[in-house]
């Protein structure tokens, strides 16, 4: 997916996806992707079960991928920053 999108568009859509996530989804998404923390460690950190961590990460990943695929709003095609 990232090979098809210019880096600027990928970053813009990625920021939009992160804004759409809940605080917990965003924290779990970042921890798994950047810190490479396991589900049990995250469960302990957030005070939830490992299954709930998995569900939150799945929801965050779904938001991220869906946002990458959707087209930019029409106004952004006119003023692309």
N, C-alpha and C. Protein backbone atom coordinates (compact mmCIF):
# COMPACT_ATOMS: atom_id res chain seq x y z
N UNK A 1 0.83 -1.20 0.00
CA UNK A 1 0.00 0.00 0.00
C UNK A 1 0.87 1.25 0.00
N UNK A 2 1.93 1.26 0.77
CA UNK A 2 2.75 2.46 0.85
C UNK A 2 3.54 2.68 -0.43
N UNK A 3 3.76 1.62 -1.23
CA UNK A 3 4.48 1.77 -2.48
C UNK A 3 3.66 2.56 -3.49
N UNK A 4 2.35 2.53 -3.36
CA UNK A 4 1.47 3.20 -4.31
C UNK A 4 1.22 4.66 -3.93
N UNK A 5 1.38 5.00 -2.68
CA UNK A 5 1.10 6.36 -2.23
C UNK A 5 2.39 7.15 -2.11
N UNK A 6 2.36 8.40 -2.55
CA UNK A 6 3.53 9.25 -2.29
C UNK A 6 3.71 9.42 -0.77
N UNK A 7 4.95 9.59 -0.31
CA UNK A 7 5.20 9.69 1.13
C UNK A 7 4.38 10.79 1.81
N UNK A 8 4.21 11.91 1.15
CA UNK A 8 3.45 13.01 1.75
C UNK A 8 2.00 12.61 1.98
N UNK A 9 1.40 11.93 1.02
CA UNK A 9 0.01 11.48 1.14
C UNK A 9 -0.10 10.42 2.23
N UNK A 10 0.86 9.49 2.28
CA UNK A 10 0.85 8.45 3.30
C UNK A 10 0.91 9.06 4.70
N UNK A 11 1.79 10.05 4.90
CA UNK A 11 1.90 10.69 6.21
C UNK A 11 0.61 11.43 6.57
N UNK A 12 0.03 12.13 5.61
CA UNK A 12 -1.20 12.88 5.87
C UNK A 12 -2.34 11.93 6.25
N UNK A 13 -2.49 10.85 5.51
CA UNK A 13 -3.56 9.89 5.82
C UNK A 13 -3.27 9.14 7.11
N UNK A 14 -2.00 8.88 7.38
CA UNK A 14 -1.64 8.23 8.64
C UNK A 14 -1.99 9.10 9.84
N UNK A 15 -1.70 10.40 9.74
CA UNK A 15 -2.08 11.32 10.83
C UNK A 15 -3.59 11.37 11.00
N UNK A 16 -4.32 11.35 9.89
CA UNK A 16 -5.78 11.36 9.96
C UNK A 16 -6.28 10.08 10.64
N UNK A 17 -5.67 8.95 10.32
CA UNK A 17 -6.07 7.68 10.95
C UNK A 17 -5.81 7.70 12.44
N UNK A 18 -4.67 8.24 12.86
CA UNK A 18 -4.36 8.31 14.29
C UNK A 18 -5.35 9.20 15.03
N UNK A 19 -5.80 10.28 14.39
CA UNK A 19 -6.80 11.15 15.03
C UNK A 19 -8.14 10.44 15.19
N UNK A 20 -8.45 9.49 14.30
CA UNK A 20 -9.73 8.78 14.38
C UNK A 20 -9.75 7.70 15.46
N UNK A 21 -8.58 7.27 15.91
CA UNK A 21 -8.51 6.23 16.93
C UNK A 21 -8.80 6.81 18.31
N UNK A 22 -9.28 5.95 19.20
CA UNK A 22 -9.43 6.37 20.59
C UNK A 22 -8.04 6.47 21.21
N UNK A 23 -7.96 7.09 22.37
CA UNK A 23 -6.67 7.23 23.04
C UNK A 23 -6.03 5.87 23.33
N UNK A 24 -6.84 4.93 23.80
CA UNK A 24 -6.31 3.61 24.12
C UNK A 24 -5.85 2.88 22.85
N UNK A 25 -6.66 2.96 21.78
CA UNK A 25 -6.26 2.33 20.52
C UNK A 25 -4.95 2.90 20.01
N UNK A 26 -4.83 4.21 20.08
CA UNK A 26 -3.61 4.88 19.60
C UNK A 26 -2.40 4.45 20.43
N UNK A 27 -2.55 4.39 21.75
CA UNK A 27 -1.44 4.00 22.62
C UNK A 27 -1.02 2.55 22.36
N UNK A 28 -1.99 1.67 22.19
CA UNK A 28 -1.68 0.26 21.93
C UNK A 28 -1.07 0.11 20.55
N UNK A 29 -1.61 0.80 19.56
CA UNK A 29 -1.07 0.74 18.20
C UNK A 29 0.40 1.17 18.18
N UNK A 30 0.70 2.31 18.80
CA UNK A 30 2.09 2.80 18.83
C UNK A 30 2.99 1.85 19.59
N UNK A 31 2.52 1.32 20.71
CA UNK A 31 3.36 0.43 21.51
C UNK A 31 3.69 -0.85 20.75
N UNK A 32 2.72 -1.41 20.08
CA UNK A 32 2.97 -2.65 19.34
C UNK A 32 3.84 -2.39 18.12
N UNK A 33 3.59 -1.32 17.39
CA UNK A 33 4.32 -1.06 16.16
C UNK A 33 5.72 -0.51 16.41
N UNK A 34 5.89 0.36 17.39
CA UNK A 34 7.19 1.01 17.58
C UNK A 34 8.02 0.39 18.70
N UNK A 35 7.39 0.07 19.82
CA UNK A 35 8.13 -0.45 20.96
C UNK A 35 8.22 -1.97 20.95
N UNK A 36 7.41 -2.62 20.11
CA UNK A 36 7.37 -4.08 20.00
C UNK A 36 7.12 -4.75 21.35
N UNK A 37 6.11 -4.26 22.05
CA UNK A 37 5.72 -4.80 23.35
C UNK A 37 4.69 -5.90 23.13
N UNK A 38 4.74 -6.94 23.94
CA UNK A 38 3.80 -8.06 23.79
C UNK A 38 2.42 -7.69 24.34
N UNK A 39 1.43 -8.48 23.93
CA UNK A 39 0.06 -8.26 24.40
C UNK A 39 -0.05 -8.37 25.92
N UNK A 40 0.56 -9.38 26.55
CA UNK A 40 0.45 -9.45 28.03
C UNK A 40 1.06 -8.24 28.74
N UNK A 41 2.17 -7.73 28.22
CA UNK A 41 2.77 -6.53 28.83
C UNK A 41 1.85 -5.33 28.69
N UNK A 42 1.25 -5.18 27.51
CA UNK A 42 0.31 -4.07 27.30
C UNK A 42 -0.94 -4.24 28.15
N UNK A 43 -1.39 -5.47 28.30
CA UNK A 43 -2.56 -5.72 29.14
C UNK A 43 -2.30 -5.27 30.57
N UNK A 44 -1.12 -5.57 31.06
CA UNK A 44 -0.76 -5.15 32.41
C UNK A 44 -0.65 -3.63 32.50
N UNK A 45 -0.07 -3.02 31.49
CA UNK A 45 0.10 -1.56 31.48
C UNK A 45 -1.24 -0.83 31.49
N UNK A 46 -2.22 -1.36 30.74
CA UNK A 46 -3.51 -0.67 30.60
C UNK A 46 -4.59 -1.22 31.54
N UNK A 47 -4.26 -2.28 32.27
CA UNK A 47 -5.23 -2.83 33.20
C UNK A 47 -6.39 -3.54 32.52
N UNK A 48 -6.12 -4.19 31.39
CA UNK A 48 -7.14 -4.94 30.67
C UNK A 48 -6.57 -6.32 30.34
N UNK A 49 -7.39 -7.19 29.77
CA UNK A 49 -6.92 -8.53 29.42
C UNK A 49 -6.16 -8.50 28.08
N UNK A 50 -5.40 -9.55 27.83
CA UNK A 50 -4.66 -9.64 26.57
C UNK A 50 -5.61 -9.73 25.38
N UNK A 51 -6.77 -10.35 25.58
CA UNK A 51 -7.76 -10.42 24.49
C UNK A 51 -8.30 -9.03 24.16
N UNK A 52 -8.47 -8.20 25.17
CA UNK A 52 -8.93 -6.83 24.92
C UNK A 52 -7.85 -6.02 24.20
N UNK A 53 -6.60 -6.26 24.54
CA UNK A 53 -5.50 -5.59 23.84
C UNK A 53 -5.52 -5.98 22.37
N UNK A 54 -5.71 -7.26 22.11
CA UNK A 54 -5.76 -7.74 20.74
C UNK A 54 -6.93 -7.11 19.98
N UNK A 55 -8.08 -7.00 20.63
CA UNK A 55 -9.25 -6.39 19.99
C UNK A 55 -9.00 -4.90 19.71
N UNK A 56 -8.39 -4.20 20.64
CA UNK A 56 -8.10 -2.77 20.45
C UNK A 56 -7.10 -2.58 19.30
N UNK A 57 -6.07 -3.43 19.24
CA UNK A 57 -5.09 -3.33 18.15
C UNK A 57 -5.74 -3.64 16.81
N UNK A 58 -6.61 -4.64 16.77
CA UNK A 58 -7.30 -4.98 15.53
C UNK A 58 -8.18 -3.82 15.07
N UNK A 59 -8.87 -3.18 16.00
CA UNK A 59 -9.72 -2.03 15.65
C UNK A 59 -8.87 -0.87 15.14
N UNK A 60 -7.73 -0.63 15.79
CA UNK A 60 -6.84 0.45 15.37
C UNK A 60 -6.26 0.17 13.99
N UNK A 61 -5.87 -1.07 13.75
CA UNK A 61 -5.32 -1.44 12.45
C UNK A 61 -6.37 -1.31 11.35
N UNK A 62 -7.59 -1.67 11.67
CA UNK A 62 -8.70 -1.53 10.71
C UNK A 62 -8.92 -0.06 10.35
N UNK A 63 -8.90 0.81 11.35
CA UNK A 63 -9.05 2.25 11.10
C UNK A 63 -7.90 2.74 10.24
N UNK A 64 -6.68 2.33 10.57
CA UNK A 64 -5.51 2.79 9.84
C UNK A 64 -5.58 2.37 8.37
N UNK A 65 -5.86 1.11 8.11
CA UNK A 65 -5.89 0.62 6.73
C UNK A 65 -7.05 1.21 5.94
N UNK A 66 -8.20 1.36 6.59
CA UNK A 66 -9.35 1.95 5.91
C UNK A 66 -9.06 3.41 5.53
N UNK A 67 -8.41 4.13 6.42
CA UNK A 67 -8.10 5.54 6.15
C UNK A 67 -7.06 5.67 5.05
N UNK A 68 -6.12 4.75 4.97
CA UNK A 68 -5.13 4.80 3.89
C UNK A 68 -5.77 4.60 2.53
N UNK A 69 -6.82 3.79 2.47
CA UNK A 69 -7.47 3.49 1.19
C UNK A 69 -8.46 4.54 0.73
N UNK A 70 -9.02 5.31 1.65
CA UNK A 70 -10.06 6.25 1.24
C UNK A 70 -9.44 7.48 0.56
N UNK A 71 -10.13 8.04 -0.41
CA UNK A 71 -9.58 9.20 -1.12
C UNK A 71 -9.58 10.45 -0.22
N UNK A 72 -8.73 11.38 -0.58
CA UNK A 72 -8.68 12.63 0.16
C UNK A 72 -9.95 13.44 -0.10
N UNK A 73 -10.34 14.30 0.84
CA UNK A 73 -11.50 15.15 0.61
C UNK A 73 -11.27 16.05 -0.60
N UNK A 74 -12.34 16.46 -1.23
CA UNK A 74 -12.23 17.26 -2.46
C UNK A 74 -11.48 18.57 -2.24
N UNK A 75 -11.68 19.21 -1.08
CA UNK A 75 -10.98 20.48 -0.84
C UNK A 75 -9.48 20.26 -0.74
N UNK A 76 -9.06 19.08 -0.28
CA UNK A 76 -7.64 18.83 -0.11
C UNK A 76 -6.96 18.60 -1.46
N UNK A 77 -7.72 18.19 -2.44
CA UNK A 77 -7.14 18.04 -3.79
C UNK A 77 -6.87 19.41 -4.40
N UNK A 78 -7.63 20.41 -3.96
CA UNK A 78 -7.42 21.77 -4.46
C UNK A 78 -6.27 22.48 -3.75
N UNK A 79 -6.13 22.20 -2.43
CA UNK A 79 -5.08 22.82 -1.62
C UNK A 79 -4.27 21.74 -0.92
N UNK A 80 -3.41 21.04 -1.63
CA UNK A 80 -2.68 19.91 -1.01
C UNK A 80 -1.47 20.36 -0.20
N UNK A 81 -1.59 20.41 1.10
CA UNK A 81 -0.42 20.72 1.92
C UNK A 81 -0.08 19.59 2.74
